[in-house]
C-alpha atoms as a PDB file:
ATOM      1  CA  MET A   1      -4.676  26.614 -34.714  1.00  0.00           C
ATOM      2  CA  ALA A   2      -1.340  24.588 -33.975  1.00  0.00           C
ATOM      3  CA  LEU A   3       0.694  27.088 -36.397  1.00  0.00           C
ATOM      4  CA  LEU A   4      -0.823  29.850 -34.355  1.00  0.00           C
ATOM      5  CA  LEU A   5       0.150  28.228 -31.153  1.00  0.00           C
ATOM      6  CA  GLN A   6       3.639  27.810 -32.455  1.00  0.00           C
ATOM      7  CA  CYS A   7       4.004  31.533 -33.374  1.00  0.00           C
ATOM      8  CA  VAL A   8       2.590  32.620 -29.931  1.00  0.00           C
ATOM      9  CA  LYS A   9       5.124  30.190 -28.259  1.00  0.00           C
ATOM     10  CA  SER A  10       8.000  31.657 -30.352  1.00  0.00           C
ATOM     11  CA  PHE A  11       7.002  35.103 -29.635  1.00  0.00           C
ATOM     12  CA  MET A  12       6.850  34.608 -25.967  1.00  0.00           C
ATOM     13  CA  LEU A  13      10.176  32.921 -25.887  1.00  0.00           C
ATOM     14  CA  TRP A  14      11.626  35.862 -27.518  1.00  0.00           C
ATOM     15  CA  ILE A  15       9.877  38.084 -25.111  1.00  0.00           C
ATOM     16  CA  GLU A  16      11.435  36.131 -22.069  1.00  0.00           C
ATOM     17  CA  ARG A  17      14.887  35.894 -23.743  1.00  0.00           C
ATOM     18  CA  GLU A  18      14.968  39.584 -23.970  1.00  0.00           C
ATOM     19  CA  GLN A  19      13.414  40.118 -20.468  1.00  0.00           C
ATOM     20  CA  PHE A  20      10.852  42.531 -21.543  1.00  0.00           C
ATOM     21  CA  ASP A  21       8.397  40.548 -19.209  1.00  0.00           C
ATOM     22  CA  LYS A  22      10.598  41.843 -16.368  1.00  0.00           C
ATOM     23  CA  LEU A  23       9.371  45.327 -17.009  1.00  0.00           C
ATOM     24  CA  ILE A  24       5.886  44.724 -15.597  1.00  0.00           C
ATOM     25  CA  GLU A  25       4.632  43.156 -12.431  1.00  0.00           C
ATOM     26  CA  ALA A  26       4.152  39.487 -12.713  1.00  0.00           C
ATOM     27  CA  GLU A  27       0.701  39.425 -11.164  1.00  0.00           C
ATOM     28  CA  ARG A  28      -0.727  42.083 -13.628  1.00  0.00           C
ATOM     29  CA  VAL A  29      -1.508  39.645 -16.251  1.00  0.00           C
ATOM     30  CA  LYS A  30      -1.524  35.841 -16.112  1.00  0.00           C
ATOM     31  CA  LYS A  31      -0.068  33.532 -18.869  1.00  0.00           C
ATOM     32  CA  CYS A  32      -0.186  29.844 -19.197  1.00  0.00           C
ATOM     33  CA  ALA A  33       3.031  27.636 -19.280  1.00  0.00           C
ATOM     34  CA  ILE A  34       4.396  26.965 -22.723  1.00  0.00           C
ATOM     35  CA  GLY A  35       6.830  24.393 -21.521  1.00  0.00           C
ATOM     36  CA  GLY A  36       6.977  20.805 -22.782  1.00  0.00           C
ATOM     37  CA  PRO A  37       8.715  18.661 -25.002  1.00  0.00           C
ATOM     38  CA  PRO A  38       9.794  20.409 -28.419  1.00  0.00           C
ATOM     39  CA  ASN A  39       7.647  17.849 -30.453  1.00  0.00           C
ATOM     40  CA  ASP A  40       4.435  18.770 -28.660  1.00  0.00           C
ATOM     41  CA  THR A  41       3.895  21.433 -31.120  1.00  0.00           C
ATOM     42  CA  ASP A  42       0.006  21.519 -30.613  1.00  0.00           C
ATOM     43  CA  LYS A  43       0.035  21.545 -26.607  1.00  0.00           C
ATOM     44  CA  ILE A  44      -0.258  24.206 -24.094  1.00  0.00           C
ATOM     45  CA  GLU A  45      -0.335  23.118 -20.587  1.00  0.00           C
ATOM     46  CA  GLN A  46      -0.637  19.488 -21.420  1.00  0.00           C
ATOM     47  CA  SER A  47      -4.068  20.263 -23.501  1.00  0.00           C
ATOM     48  CA  SER A  48      -3.925  20.059 -27.213  1.00  0.00           C
ATOM     49  CA  ILE A  49      -5.160  22.888 -29.382  1.00  0.00           C
ATOM     50  CA  THR A  50      -6.167  20.458 -32.059  1.00  0.00           C
ATOM     51  CA  TYR A  51     -10.092  20.035 -31.985  1.00  0.00           C
ATOM     52  CA  ASN A  52     -11.128  16.599 -30.930  1.00  0.00           C
ATOM     53  CA  SER A  53     -14.906  15.963 -30.463  1.00  0.00           C
ATOM     54  CA  GLU A  54     -14.080  13.502 -27.805  1.00  0.00           C
ATOM     55  CA  SER A  55     -12.014  15.948 -25.607  1.00  0.00           C
ATOM     56  CA  LYS A  56     -13.774  19.207 -25.833  1.00  0.00           C
ATOM     57  CA  GLU A  57     -12.792  20.242 -22.444  1.00  0.00           C
ATOM     58  CA  GLN A  58      -9.161  19.911 -23.070  1.00  0.00           C
ATOM     59  CA  TRP A  59      -9.508  21.757 -26.272  1.00  0.00           C
ATOM     60  CA  THR A  60     -11.325  24.459 -24.658  1.00  0.00           C
ATOM     61  CA  ARG A  61      -8.649  24.775 -21.902  1.00  0.00           C
ATOM     62  CA  ALA A  62      -6.160  24.961 -24.559  1.00  0.00           C
ATOM     63  CA  CYS A  63      -7.941  27.789 -26.368  1.00  0.00           C
ATOM     64  CA  LYS A  64      -8.285  29.718 -23.171  1.00  0.00           C
ATOM     65  CA  CYS A  65      -4.522  29.512 -22.577  1.00  0.00           C
ATOM     66  CA  LEU A  66      -3.808  30.590 -25.846  1.00  0.00           C
ATOM     67  CA  LEU A  67      -6.018  33.618 -25.610  1.00  0.00           C
ATOM     68  CA  MET A  68      -4.377  34.316 -22.274  1.00  0.00           C
ATOM     69  CA  ASN A  69      -0.884  34.206 -23.697  1.00  0.00           C
ATOM     70  CA  VAL A  70      -1.896  36.349 -26.642  1.00  0.00           C
ATOM     71  CA  GLN A  71      -3.334  38.971 -24.111  1.00  0.00           C
ATOM     72  CA  TRP A  72       0.034  38.781 -22.167  1.00  0.00           C
ATOM     73  CA  ILE A  73       1.883  39.423 -25.354  1.00  0.00           C
ATOM     74  CA  CYS A  74      -0.247  42.500 -26.064  1.00  0.00           C
ATOM     75  CA  VAL A  75       0.001  43.917 -22.603  1.00  0.00           C
ATOM     76  CA  ILE A  76       3.995  43.547 -22.777  1.00  0.00           C
ATOM     77  CA  SER A  77       4.227  45.035 -26.141  1.00  0.00           C
ATOM     78  CA  LYS A  78       2.039  48.045 -25.123  1.00  0.00           C
ATOM     79  CA  PHE A  79       4.067  48.561 -22.129  1.00  0.00           C
ATOM     80  CA  ARG A  80       7.295  48.542 -24.024  1.00  0.00           C
ATOM     81  CA  ASP A  81       5.929  51.045 -26.608  1.00  0.00           C
ATOM     82  CA  ASP A  82       4.985  53.406 -23.840  1.00  0.00           C
ATOM     83  CA  GLN A  83       8.318  53.118 -22.257  1.00  0.00           C
ATOM     84  CA  ASN A  84      10.049  53.742 -25.690  1.00  0.00           C
ATOM     85  CA  GLN A  85       7.879  56.821 -26.499  1.00  0.00           C
ATOM     86  CA  ARG A  86       8.548  58.188 -22.847  1.00  0.00           C
ATOM     87  CA  LYS A  87      12.215  57.571 -23.284  1.00  0.00           C
ATOM     88  CA  LYS A  88      12.166  59.348 -26.613  1.00  0.00           C
ATOM     89  CA  HIS A  89      10.173  62.189 -25.377  1.00  0.00           C
ATOM     90  CA  GLN A  90      12.720  62.814 -22.551  1.00  0.00           C
ATOM     91  CA  GLU A  91      15.564  62.615 -25.052  1.00  0.00           C
ATOM     92  CA  ASP A  92      13.548  65.189 -27.343  1.00  0.00           C
ATOM     93  CA  SER A  93      13.130  67.493 -24.444  1.00  0.00           C
ATOM     94  CA  VAL A  94      16.780  67.384 -23.275  1.00  0.00           C
ATOM     95  CA  HIS A  95      17.795  68.003 -27.021  1.00  0.00           C
ATOM     96  CA  SER A  96      15.396  70.934 -27.422  1.00  0.00           C
ATOM     97  CA  THR A  97      16.809  72.526 -24.151  1.00  0.00           C
ATOM     98  CA  ILE A  98      20.402  72.164 -25.229  1.00  0.00           C
ATOM     99  CA  TYR A  99      19.688  73.813 -28.650  1.00  0.00           C
ATOM    100  CA  ARG A 100      17.720  76.558 -27.210  1.00  0.00           C
ATOM    101  CA  LYS A 101      20.775  77.899 -25.395  1.00  0.00           C
END
């Protein structure tokens, strides 16, 4: 689970760096904070993703945050793909109009 969390964190940081998250409204999909010290590889919002029978509530909270962030990534990806397809379709229609003349 910690490796999955690391992948999600890395992908989210890339999305934010490329500013793809600015393409959609912030309130549309919620996400959990991924901040924290770099050595906290198994934590999300101060909750550990590593299962511990003594802290099931923290583990459950961490899993919920992980799933929320995966959902956020999916929404950003779909929106970006839709936007790219719309742009490509517009370019294709412009090219076909030019070549008809």
